[in-house]
PDB file of N, CA and C in Angstrom:
ATOM      1  N   MET A   1       1.871 -12.208  47.761  1.00  0.00           N
ATOM      2  CA  MET A   1       2.493 -11.276  46.839  1.00  0.00           C
ATOM      3  C   MET A   1       1.446 -10.800  45.832  1.00  0.00           C
ATOM      4  N   ASP A   2       1.248  -9.508  45.783  1.00  0.00           N
ATOM      5  CA  ASP A   2       0.308  -8.925  44.834  1.00  0.00           C
ATOM      6  C   ASP A   2       1.005  -8.660  43.503  1.00  0.00           C
ATOM      7  N   VAL A   3       0.371  -9.138  42.469  1.00  0.00           N
ATOM      8  CA  VAL A   3       0.873  -8.881  41.123  1.00  0.00           C
ATOM      9  C   VAL A   3      -0.028  -7.828  40.501  1.00  0.00           C
ATOM     10  N   LYS A   4       0.576  -6.773  40.001  1.00  0.00           N
ATOM     11  CA  LYS A   4      -0.198  -5.698  39.386  1.00  0.00           C
ATOM     12  C   LYS A   4      -0.026  -5.760  37.875  1.00  0.00           C
ATOM     13  N   PHE A   5      -1.142  -5.629  37.223  1.00  0.00           N
ATOM     14  CA  PHE A   5      -1.149  -5.618  35.770  1.00  0.00           C
ATOM     15  C   PHE A   5      -1.663  -4.275  35.298  1.00  0.00           C
ATOM     16  N   SER A   6      -1.100  -3.810  34.222  1.00  0.00           N
ATOM     17  CA  SER A   6      -1.634  -2.587  33.625  1.00  0.00           C
ATOM     18  C   SER A   6      -2.474  -2.978  32.415  1.00  0.00           C
ATOM     19  N   ARG A   7      -3.410  -2.129  32.094  1.00  0.00           N
ATOM     20  CA  ARG A   7      -4.312  -2.380  30.976  1.00  0.00           C
ATOM     21  C   ARG A   7      -3.530  -2.263  29.669  1.00  0.00           C
ATOM     22  N   TYR A   8      -3.700  -3.237  28.795  1.00  0.00           N
ATOM     23  CA  TYR A   8      -3.040  -3.215  27.493  1.00  0.00           C
ATOM     24  C   TYR A   8      -3.789  -2.267  26.570  1.00  0.00           C
ATOM     25  N   ASP A   9      -3.070  -1.394  25.914  1.00  0.00           N
ATOM     26  CA  ASP A   9      -3.661  -0.487  24.938  1.00  0.00           C
ATOM     27  C   ASP A   9      -2.767  -0.478  23.705  1.00  0.00           C
ATOM     28  N   THR A  10      -3.295  -0.955  22.608  1.00  0.00           N
ATOM     29  CA  THR A  10      -2.541  -1.014  21.360  1.00  0.00           C
ATOM     30  C   THR A  10      -1.954   0.346  21.000  1.00  0.00           C
ATOM     31  N   ALA A  11      -2.673   1.415  21.319  1.00  0.00           N
ATOM     32  CA  ALA A  11      -2.210   2.766  20.978  1.00  0.00           C
ATOM     33  C   ALA A  11      -0.826   3.054  21.552  1.00  0.00           C
ATOM     34  N   ASP A  12      -0.488   2.435  22.680  1.00  0.00           N
ATOM     35  CA  ASP A  12       0.823   2.653  23.297  1.00  0.00           C
ATOM     36  C   ASP A  12       1.968   2.114  22.446  1.00  0.00           C
ATOM     37  N   TYR A  13       1.664   1.231  21.511  1.00  0.00           N
ATOM     38  CA  TYR A  13       2.700   0.578  20.714  1.00  0.00           C
ATOM     39  C   TYR A  13       2.756   1.077  19.270  1.00  0.00           C
ATOM     40  N   LEU A  14       1.937   2.031  18.944  1.00  0.00           N
ATOM     41  CA  LEU A  14       1.923   2.595  17.591  1.00  0.00           C
ATOM     42  C   LEU A  14       2.778   3.857  17.588  1.00  0.00           C
ATOM     43  N   LYS A  15       4.072   3.673  17.548  1.00  0.00           N
ATOM     44  CA  LYS A  15       5.018   4.780  17.705  1.00  0.00           C
ATOM     45  C   LYS A  15       5.387   5.467  16.391  1.00  0.00           C
ATOM     46  N   SER A  16       5.437   4.717  15.310  1.00  0.00           N
ATOM     47  CA  SER A  16       5.895   5.293  14.041  1.00  0.00           C
ATOM     48  C   SER A  16       4.823   5.142  12.970  1.00  0.00           C
ATOM     49  N   GLU A  17       5.021   5.855  11.880  1.00  0.00           N
ATOM     50  CA  GLU A  17       4.118   5.735  10.736  1.00  0.00           C
ATOM     51  C   GLU A  17       4.118   4.300  10.206  1.00  0.00           C
ATOM     52  N   GLU A  18       5.287   3.674  10.218  1.00  0.00           N
ATOM     53  CA  GLU A  18       5.393   2.294   9.740  1.00  0.00           C
ATOM     54  C   GLU A  18       4.594   1.349  10.629  1.00  0.00           C
ATOM     55  N   ASP A  19       4.647   1.577  11.959  1.00  0.00           N
ATOM     56  CA  ASP A  19       3.851   0.765  12.891  1.00  0.00           C
ATOM     57  C   ASP A  19       2.368   0.894  12.576  1.00  0.00           C
ATOM     58  N   ILE A  20       1.933   2.120  12.348  1.00  0.00           N
ATOM     59  CA  ILE A  20       0.517   2.387  12.091  1.00  0.00           C
ATOM     60  C   ILE A  20       0.063   1.720  10.796  1.00  0.00           C
ATOM     61  N   VAL A  21       0.836   1.879   9.744  1.00  0.00           N
ATOM     62  CA  VAL A  21       0.466   1.297   8.451  1.00  0.00           C
ATOM     63  C   VAL A  21       0.458  -0.229   8.528  1.00  0.00           C
ATOM     64  N   ALA A  22       1.450  -0.819   9.184  1.00  0.00           N
ATOM     65  CA  ALA A  22       1.482  -2.280   9.319  1.00  0.00           C
ATOM     66  C   ALA A  22       0.274  -2.775  10.112  1.00  0.00           C
ATOM     67  N   TYR A  23      -0.080  -2.065  11.166  1.00  0.00           N
ATOM     68  CA  TYR A  23      -1.231  -2.439  11.991  1.00  0.00           C
ATOM     69  C   TYR A  23      -2.529  -2.351  11.189  1.00  0.00           C
ATOM     70  N   LEU A  24      -2.732  -1.236  10.503  1.00  0.00           N
ATOM     71  CA  LEU A  24      -3.958  -1.074   9.715  1.00  0.00           C
ATOM     72  C   LEU A  24      -4.024  -2.078   8.566  1.00  0.00           C
ATOM     73  N   ASP A  25      -2.897  -2.356   7.927  1.00  0.00           N
ATOM     74  CA  ASP A  25      -2.875  -3.371   6.862  1.00  0.00           C
ATOM     75  C   ASP A  25      -3.283  -4.738   7.407  1.00  0.00           C
ATOM     76  N   ALA A  26      -2.767  -5.095   8.576  1.00  0.00           N
ATOM     77  CA  ALA A  26      -3.103  -6.391   9.179  1.00  0.00           C
ATOM     78  C   ALA A  26      -4.589  -6.471   9.506  1.00  0.00           C
ATOM     79  N   VAL A  27      -5.138  -5.393  10.032  1.00  0.00           N
ATOM     80  CA  VAL A  27      -6.562  -5.374  10.378  1.00  0.00           C
ATOM     81  C   VAL A  27      -7.419  -5.437   9.117  1.00  0.00           C
ATOM     82  N   MET A  28      -7.002  -4.750   8.070  1.00  0.00           N
ATOM     83  CA  MET A  28      -7.761  -4.761   6.820  1.00  0.00           C
ATOM     84  C   MET A  28      -7.806  -6.158   6.201  1.00  0.00           C
ATOM     85  N   GLU A  29      -6.795  -6.979   6.451  1.00  0.00           N
ATOM     86  CA  GLU A  29      -6.796  -8.350   5.931  1.00  0.00           C
ATOM     87  C   GLU A  29      -8.013  -9.119   6.427  1.00  0.00           C
ATOM     88  N   ASP A  30      -8.416  -8.857   7.670  1.00  0.00           N
ATOM     89  CA  ASP A  30      -9.581  -9.535   8.246  1.00  0.00           C
ATOM     90  C   ASP A  30     -10.870  -9.025   7.615  1.00  0.00           C
ATOM     91  N   GLY A  31     -10.925  -7.722   7.355  1.00  0.00           N
ATOM     92  CA  GLY A  31     -12.086  -7.136   6.696  1.00  0.00           C
ATOM     93  C   GLY A  31     -13.303  -6.916   7.573  1.00  0.00           C
ATOM     94  N   GLU A  32     -13.192  -7.139   8.873  1.00  0.00           N
ATOM     95  CA  GLU A  32     -14.315  -6.961   9.790  1.00  0.00           C
ATOM     96  C   GLU A  32     -14.505  -5.470  10.087  1.00  0.00           C
ATOM     97  N   PRO A  33     -15.649  -4.880   9.711  1.00  0.00           N
ATOM     98  CA  PRO A  33     -15.856  -3.437   9.886  1.00  0.00           C
ATOM     99  C   PRO A  33     -15.658  -2.940  11.321  1.00  0.00           C
ATOM    100  N   GLY A  34     -16.149  -3.678  12.293  1.00  0.00           N
ATOM    101  CA  GLY A  34     -15.989  -3.255  13.685  1.00  0.00           C
ATOM    102  C   GLY A  34     -14.539  -3.242  14.116  1.00  0.00           C
ATOM    103  N   LEU A  35     -13.780  -4.210  13.651  1.00  0.00           N
ATOM    104  CA  LEU A  35     -12.360  -4.283  13.977  1.00  0.00           C
ATOM    105  C   LEU A  35     -11.591  -3.152  13.298  1.00  0.00           C
ATOM    106  N   ILE A  36     -11.968  -2.843  12.071  1.00  0.00           N
ATOM    107  CA  ILE A  36     -11.323  -1.739  11.348  1.00  0.00           C
ATOM    108  C   ILE A  36     -11.597  -0.418  12.057  1.00  0.00           C
ATOM    109  N   ALA A  37     -12.840  -0.193  12.465  1.00  0.00           N
ATOM    110  CA  ALA A  37     -13.185   1.029  13.196  1.00  0.00           C
ATOM    111  C   ALA A  37     -12.403   1.107  14.497  1.00  0.00           C
ATOM    112  N   ALA A  38     -12.317  -0.003  15.224  1.00  0.00           N
ATOM    113  CA  ALA A  38     -11.576  -0.021  16.486  1.00  0.00           C
ATOM    114  C   ALA A  38     -10.086   0.245  16.254  1.00  0.00           C
ATOM    115  N   ALA A  39      -9.533  -0.295  15.166  1.00  0.00           N
ATOM    116  CA  ALA A  39      -8.121  -0.060  14.850  1.00  0.00           C
ATOM    117  C   ALA A  39      -7.875   1.412  14.542  1.00  0.00           C
ATOM    118  N   LEU A  40      -8.791   2.033  13.809  1.00  0.00           N
ATOM    119  CA  LEU A  40      -8.667   3.478  13.570  1.00  0.00           C
ATOM    120  C   LEU A  40      -8.742   4.238  14.893  1.00  0.00           C
ATOM    121  N   GLY A  41      -9.563   3.753  15.814  1.00  0.00           N
ATOM    122  CA  GLY A  41      -9.629   4.355  17.145  1.00  0.00           C
ATOM    123  C   GLY A  41      -8.314   4.226  17.889  1.00  0.00           C
ATOM    124  N   ASP A  42      -7.661   3.066  17.771  1.00  0.00           N
ATOM    125  CA  ASP A  42      -6.343   2.885  18.387  1.00  0.00           C
ATOM    126  C   ASP A  42      -5.346   3.892  17.825  1.00  0.00           C
ATOM    127  N   VAL A  43      -5.355   4.045  16.514  1.00  0.00           N
ATOM    128  CA  VAL A  43      -4.446   4.996  15.866  1.00  0.00           C
ATOM    129  C   VAL A  43      -4.782   6.420  16.298  1.00  0.00           C
ATOM    130  N   ALA A  44      -6.064   6.737  16.373  1.00  0.00           N
ATOM    131  CA  ALA A  44      -6.483   8.078  16.802  1.00  0.00           C
ATOM    132  C   ALA A  44      -5.982   8.377  18.211  1.00  0.00           C
ATOM    133  N   ARG A  45      -6.082   7.399  19.119  1.00  0.00           N
ATOM    134  CA  ARG A  45      -5.587   7.605  20.485  1.00  0.00           C
ATOM    135  C   ARG A  45      -4.071   7.757  20.497  1.00  0.00           C
ATOM    136  N   ALA A  46      -3.387   7.020  19.639  1.00  0.00           N
ATOM    137  CA  ALA A  46      -1.930   7.116  19.571  1.00  0.00           C
ATOM    138  C   ALA A  46      -1.491   8.481  19.054  1.00  0.00           C
ATOM    139  N   ARG A  47      -2.341   9.115  18.255  1.00  0.00           N
ATOM    140  CA  ARG A  47      -1.997  10.389  17.622  1.00  0.00           C
ATOM    141  C   ARG A  47      -2.722  11.597  18.214  1.00  0.00           C
ATOM    142  N   ASN A  48      -3.335  11.472  19.372  1.00  0.00           N
ATOM    143  CA  ASN A  48      -4.033  12.563  20.057  1.00  0.00           C
ATOM    144  C   ASN A  48      -5.460  12.693  19.541  1.00  0.00           C
ATOM    145  N   LEU A  49      -6.329  11.954  20.167  1.00  0.00           N
ATOM    146  CA  LEU A  49      -7.733  11.884  19.775  1.00  0.00           C
ATOM    147  C   LEU A  49      -8.397  13.255  19.773  1.00  0.00           C
ATOM    148  N   SER A  50      -8.092  14.084  20.761  1.00  0.00           N
ATOM    149  CA  SER A  50      -8.735  15.402  20.847  1.00  0.00           C
ATOM    150  C   SER A  50      -8.391  16.274  19.645  1.00  0.00           C
ATOM    151  N   GLN A  51      -7.109  16.307  19.285  1.00  0.00           N
ATOM    152  CA  GLN A  51      -6.695  17.109  18.133  1.00  0.00           C
ATOM    153  C   GLN A  51      -7.273  16.539  16.847  1.00  0.00           C
ATOM    154  N   LEU A  52      -7.273  15.238  16.725  1.00  0.00           N
ATOM    155  CA  LEU A  52      -7.830  14.602  15.533  1.00  0.00           C
ATOM    156  C   LEU A  52      -9.309  14.930  15.386  1.00  0.00           C
ATOM    157  N   ALA A  53     -10.043  14.906  16.490  1.00  0.00           N
ATOM    158  CA  ALA A  53     -11.471  15.244  16.450  1.00  0.00           C
ATOM    159  C   ALA A  53     -11.662  16.667  15.936  1.00  0.00           C
ATOM    160  N   ARG A  54     -10.839  17.588  16.409  1.00  0.00           N
ATOM    161  CA  ARG A  54     -10.929  18.973  15.912  1.00  0.00           C
ATOM    162  C   ARG A  54     -10.622  19.028  14.416  1.00  0.00           C
ATOM    163  N   ASP A  55      -9.610  18.275  13.994  1.00  0.00           N
ATOM    164  CA  ASP A  55      -9.212  18.278  12.583  1.00  0.00           C
ATOM    165  C   ASP A  55     -10.308  17.747  11.657  1.00  0.00           C
ATOM    166  N   VAL A  56     -11.111  16.799  12.138  1.00  0.00           N
ATOM    167  CA  VAL A  56     -12.166  16.228  11.294  1.00  0.00           C
ATOM    168  C   VAL A  56     -13.525  16.864  11.556  1.00  0.00           C
ATOM    169  N   GLY A  57     -13.581  17.816  12.497  1.00  0.00           N
ATOM    170  CA  GLY A  57     -14.829  18.537  12.748  1.00  0.00           C
ATOM    171  C   GLY A  57     -15.849  17.766  13.558  1.00  0.00           C
ATOM    172  N   MET A  58     -15.376  16.947  14.487  1.00  0.00           N
ATOM    173  CA  MET A  58     -16.271  16.182  15.353  1.00  0.00           C
ATOM    174  C   MET A  58     -15.895  16.438  16.807  1.00  0.00           C
ATOM    175  N   SER A  59     -16.817  16.095  17.701  1.00  0.00           N
ATOM    176  CA  SER A  59     -16.473  16.148  19.120  1.00  0.00           C
ATOM    177  C   SER A  59     -15.572  14.958  19.435  1.00  0.00           C
ATOM    178  N   ARG A  60     -14.789  15.094  20.485  1.00  0.00           N
ATOM    179  CA  ARG A  60     -13.920  14.003  20.898  1.00  0.00           C
ATOM    180  C   ARG A  60     -14.754  12.760  21.214  1.00  0.00           C
ATOM    181  N   GLN A  61     -15.846  12.961  21.941  1.00  0.00           N
ATOM    182  CA  GLN A  61     -16.706  11.842  22.321  1.00  0.00           C
ATOM    183  C   GLN A  61     -17.336  11.185  21.092  1.00  0.00           C
ATOM    184  N   GLY A  62     -17.773  12.012  20.138  1.00  0.00           N
ATOM    185  CA  GLY A  62     -18.386  11.484  18.920  1.00  0.00           C
ATOM    186  C   GLY A  62     -17.409  10.659  18.101  1.00  0.00           C
ATOM    187  N   LEU A  63     -16.183  11.163  17.975  1.00  0.00           N
ATOM    188  CA  LEU A  63     -15.174  10.432  17.214  1.00  0.00           C
ATOM    189  C   LEU A  63     -14.778   9.155  17.947  1.00  0.00           C
ATOM    190  N   ASP A  64     -14.630   9.242  19.258  1.00  0.00           N
ATOM    191  CA  ASP A  64     -14.280   8.067  20.053  1.00  0.00           C
ATOM    192  C   ASP A  64     -15.345   6.983  19.904  1.00  0.00           C
ATOM    193  N   LYS A  65     -16.607   7.382  19.930  1.00  0.00           N
ATOM    194  CA  LYS A  65     -17.703   6.419  19.779  1.00  0.00           C
ATOM    195  C   LYS A  65     -17.711   5.823  18.369  1.00  0.00           C
ATOM    196  N   ALA A  66     -17.533   6.675  17.351  1.00  0.00           N
ATOM    197  CA  ALA A  66     -17.541   6.196  15.964  1.00  0.00           C
ATOM    198  C   ALA A  66     -16.411   5.202  15.711  1.00  0.00           C
ATOM    199  N   LEU A  67     -15.267   5.429  16.362  1.00  0.00           N
ATOM    200  CA  LEU A  67     -14.102   4.585  16.135  1.00  0.00           C
ATOM    201  C   LEU A  67     -13.929   3.529  17.218  1.00  0.00           C
ATOM    202  N   SER A  68     -15.025   3.141  17.827  1.00  0.00           N
ATOM    203  CA  SER A  68     -14.986   2.040  18.793  1.00  0.00           C
ATOM    204  C   SER A  68     -15.364   0.757  18.059  1.00  0.00           C
ATOM    205  N   GLY A  69     -15.214  -0.356  18.709  1.00  0.00           N
ATOM    206  CA  GLY A  69     -15.580  -1.633  18.102  1.00  0.00           C
ATOM    207  C   GLY A  69     -17.052  -1.716  17.762  1.00  0.00           C
ATOM    208  N   GLU A  70     -17.881  -0.976  18.495  1.00  0.00           N
ATOM    209  CA  GLU A  70     -19.323  -0.966  18.234  1.00  0.00           C
ATOM    210  C   GLU A  70     -19.732   0.173  17.309  1.00  0.00           C
ATOM    211  N   GLY A  71     -18.808   1.058  17.014  1.00  0.00           N
ATOM    212  CA  GLY A  71     -19.114   2.193  16.150  1.00  0.00           C
ATOM    213  C   GLY A  71     -19.324   1.752  14.712  1.00  0.00           C
ATOM    214  N   ASN A  72     -19.962   2.617  13.970  1.00  0.00           N
ATOM    215  CA  ASN A  72     -20.198   2.344  12.555  1.00  0.00           C
ATOM    216  C   ASN A  72     -19.960   3.644  11.794  1.00  0.00           C
ATOM    217  N   PRO A  73     -18.683   4.047  11.685  1.00  0.00           N
ATOM    218  CA  PRO A  73     -18.405   5.334  11.051  1.00  0.00           C
ATOM    219  C   PRO A  73     -18.766   5.319   9.571  1.00  0.00           C
ATOM    220  N   SER A  74     -19.206   6.458   9.091  1.00  0.00           N
ATOM    221  CA  SER A  74     -19.503   6.577   7.665  1.00  0.00           C
ATOM    222  C   SER A  74     -18.192   6.561   6.884  1.00  0.00           C
ATOM    223  N   LEU A  75     -18.299   6.298   5.605  1.00  0.00           N
ATOM    224  CA  LEU A  75     -17.114   6.343   4.757  1.00  0.00           C
ATOM    225  C   LEU A  75     -16.506   7.740   4.789  1.00  0.00           C
ATOM    226  N   ALA A  76     -17.352   8.762   4.827  1.00  0.00           N
ATOM    227  CA  ALA A  76     -16.851  10.139   4.890  1.00  0.00           C
ATOM    228  C   ALA A  76     -16.004  10.348   6.139  1.00  0.00           C
ATOM    229  N   THR A  77     -16.449   9.806   7.276  1.00  0.00           N
ATOM    230  CA  THR A  77     -15.682   9.939   8.516  1.00  0.00           C
ATOM    231  C   THR A  77     -14.357   9.198   8.405  1.00  0.00           C
ATOM    232  N   VAL A  78     -14.383   7.989   7.874  1.00  0.00           N
ATOM    233  CA  VAL A  78     -13.153   7.212   7.708  1.00  0.00           C
ATOM    234  C   VAL A  78     -12.167   7.969   6.821  1.00  0.00           C
ATOM    235  N   LEU A  79     -12.650   8.543   5.726  1.00  0.00           N
ATOM    236  CA  LEU A  79     -11.773   9.291   4.824  1.00  0.00           C
ATOM    237  C   LEU A  79     -11.211  10.538   5.494  1.00  0.00           C
ATOM    238  N   LYS A  80     -12.035  11.254   6.264  1.00  0.00           N
ATOM    239  CA  LYS A  80     -11.558  12.440   6.983  1.00  0.00           C
ATOM    240  C   LYS A  80     -10.494  12.069   8.007  1.00  0.00           C
ATOM    241  N   VAL A  81     -10.732  10.983   8.735  1.00  0.00           N
ATOM    242  CA  VAL A  81      -9.761  10.530   9.731  1.00  0.00           C
ATOM    243  C   VAL A  81      -8.455  10.142   9.043  1.00  0.00           C
ATOM    244  N   ALA A  82      -8.545   9.372   7.978  1.00  0.00           N
ATOM    245  CA  ALA A  82      -7.340   8.969   7.248  1.00  0.00           C
ATOM    246  C   ALA A  82      -6.564  10.191   6.767  1.00  0.00           C
ATOM    247  N   GLN A  83      -7.263  11.156   6.190  1.00  0.00           N
ATOM    248  CA  GLN A  83      -6.600  12.364   5.693  1.00  0.00           C
ATOM    249  C   GLN A  83      -5.939  13.130   6.833  1.00  0.00           C
ATOM    250  N   ALA A  84      -6.635  13.277   7.951  1.00  0.00           N
ATOM    251  CA  ALA A  84      -6.079  13.999   9.095  1.00  0.00           C
ATOM    252  C   ALA A  84      -4.851  13.284   9.666  1.00  0.00           C
ATOM    253  N   LEU A  85      -4.804  11.966   9.507  1.00  0.00           N
ATOM    254  CA  LEU A  85      -3.658  11.189   9.976  1.00  0.00           C
ATOM    255  C   LEU A  85      -2.533  11.133   8.943  1.00  0.00           C
ATOM    256  N   GLY A  86      -2.759  11.723   7.772  1.00  0.00           N
ATOM    257  CA  GLY A  86      -1.758  11.685   6.718  1.00  0.00           C
ATOM    258  C   GLY A  86      -1.725  10.352   5.986  1.00  0.00           C
ATOM    259  N   LEU A  87      -2.862   9.659   5.999  1.00  0.00           N
ATOM    260  CA  LEU A  87      -2.975   8.358   5.344  1.00  0.00           C
ATOM    261  C   LEU A  87      -3.964   8.448   4.197  1.00  0.00           C
ATOM    262  N   ARG A  88      -3.948   7.455   3.327  1.00  0.00           N
ATOM    263  CA  ARG A  88      -4.958   7.379   2.284  1.00  0.00           C
ATOM    264  C   ARG A  88      -5.338   5.923   2.088  1.00  0.00           C
ATOM    265  N   LEU A  89      -6.557   5.729   1.669  1.00  0.00           N
ATOM    266  CA  LEU A  89      -7.028   4.381   1.373  1.00  0.00           C
ATOM    267  C   LEU A  89      -6.615   4.026  -0.044  1.00  0.00           C
ATOM    268  N   SER A  90      -6.329   2.761  -0.259  1.00  0.00           N
ATOM    269  CA  SER A  90      -6.032   2.308  -1.618  1.00  0.00           C
ATOM    270  C   SER A  90      -6.651   0.927  -1.802  1.00  0.00           C
ATOM    271  N   TRP A  91      -6.807   0.550  -3.046  1.00  0.00           N
ATOM    272  CA  TRP A  91      -7.439  -0.716  -3.386  1.00  0.00           C
ATOM    273  C   TRP A  91      -6.423  -1.607  -4.058  1.00  0.00           C
ATOM    274  N   LYS A  92      -6.558  -2.897  -3.828  1.00  0.00           N
ATOM    275  CA  LYS A  92      -5.743  -3.865  -4.548  1.00  0.00           C
ATOM    276  C   LYS A  92      -6.579  -5.114  -4.773  1.00  0.00           C
ATOM    277  N   VAL A  93      -6.234  -5.851  -5.789  1.00  0.00           N
ATOM    278  CA  VAL A  93      -6.962  -7.063  -6.133  1.00  0.00           C
ATOM    279  C   VAL A  93      -6.656  -8.136  -5.093  1.00  0.00           C
ATOM    280  N   ASP A  94      -7.710  -8.791  -4.629  1.00  0.00           N
ATOM    281  CA  ASP A  94      -7.571  -9.908  -3.699  1.00  0.00           C
ATOM    282  C   ASP A  94      -7.482 -11.176  -4.534  1.00  0.00           C
ATOM    283  N   ASN A  95      -6.271 -11.614  -4.808  1.00  0.00           N
ATOM    284  CA  ASN A  95      -6.067 -12.773  -5.685  1.00  0.00           C
ATOM    285  C   ASN A  95      -6.681 -14.048  -5.129  1.00  0.00           C
ATOM    286  N   ALA A  96      -6.837 -14.128  -3.814  1.00  0.00           N
ATOM    287  CA  ALA A  96      -7.406 -15.335  -3.209  1.00  0.00           C
ATOM    288  C   ALA A  96      -8.880 -15.496  -3.549  1.00  0.00           C
ATOM    289  N   SER A  97      -9.587 -14.393  -3.715  1.00  0.00           N
ATOM    290  CA  SER A  97     -11.022 -14.499  -3.980  1.00  0.00           C
ATOM    291  C   SER A  97     -11.431 -13.934  -5.332  1.00  0.00           C
ATOM    292  N   HIS A  98     -10.486 -13.385  -6.067  1.00  0.00           N
ATOM    293  CA  HIS A  98     -10.789 -12.776  -7.360  1.00  0.00           C
ATOM    294  C   HIS A  98     -10.904 -13.855  -8.432  1.00  0.00           C
ATOM    295  N   SER A  99     -11.980 -13.799  -9.174  1.00  0.00           N
ATOM    296  CA  SER A  99     -12.189 -14.749 -10.266  1.00  0.00           C
ATOM    297  C   SER A  99     -12.459 -13.968 -11.540  1.00  0.00           C
ATOM    298  N   THR A 100     -11.799 -14.350 -12.607  1.00  0.00           N
ATOM    299  CA  THR A 100     -12.006 -13.654 -13.880  1.00  0.00           C
ATOM    300  C   THR A 100     -13.198 -14.200 -14.635  1.00  0.00           C
ATOM    301  N   GLY A 101     -13.749 -15.308 -14.182  1.00  0.00           N
ATOM    302  CA  GLY A 101     -14.897 -15.898 -14.858  1.00  0.00           C
ATOM    303  C   GLY A 101     -14.528 -16.706 -16.081  1.00  0.00           C
ATOM    304  N   VAL A 102     -13.235 -16.961 -16.265  1.00  0.00           N
ATOM    305  CA  VAL A 102     -12.776 -17.729 -17.429  1.00  0.00           C
ATOM    306  C   VAL A 102     -12.624 -19.176 -17.068  1.00  0.00           C
TER     307      VAL A 102
END
């Protein structure tokens, strides 16, 4: 009996804005730049990578490479991608590692 498996792609499960935000928040908790870039790539694929590339002024291949696990997108690229996706970056205090020095 042959068992067939399909390739898992996170992008297939990012159906709503809430899914996307929860996924990106979880990835940001780790703080690993390569993982964050790859997660943005997952979101880009879920939202039509070709159109997103046009919206940020990059080639599809260039954006795909930048948002891969090995990519190293500039902050400008990350901000453009976030804006094109209707997202914004925000900062919050990390209470686990924040020290007031007192």
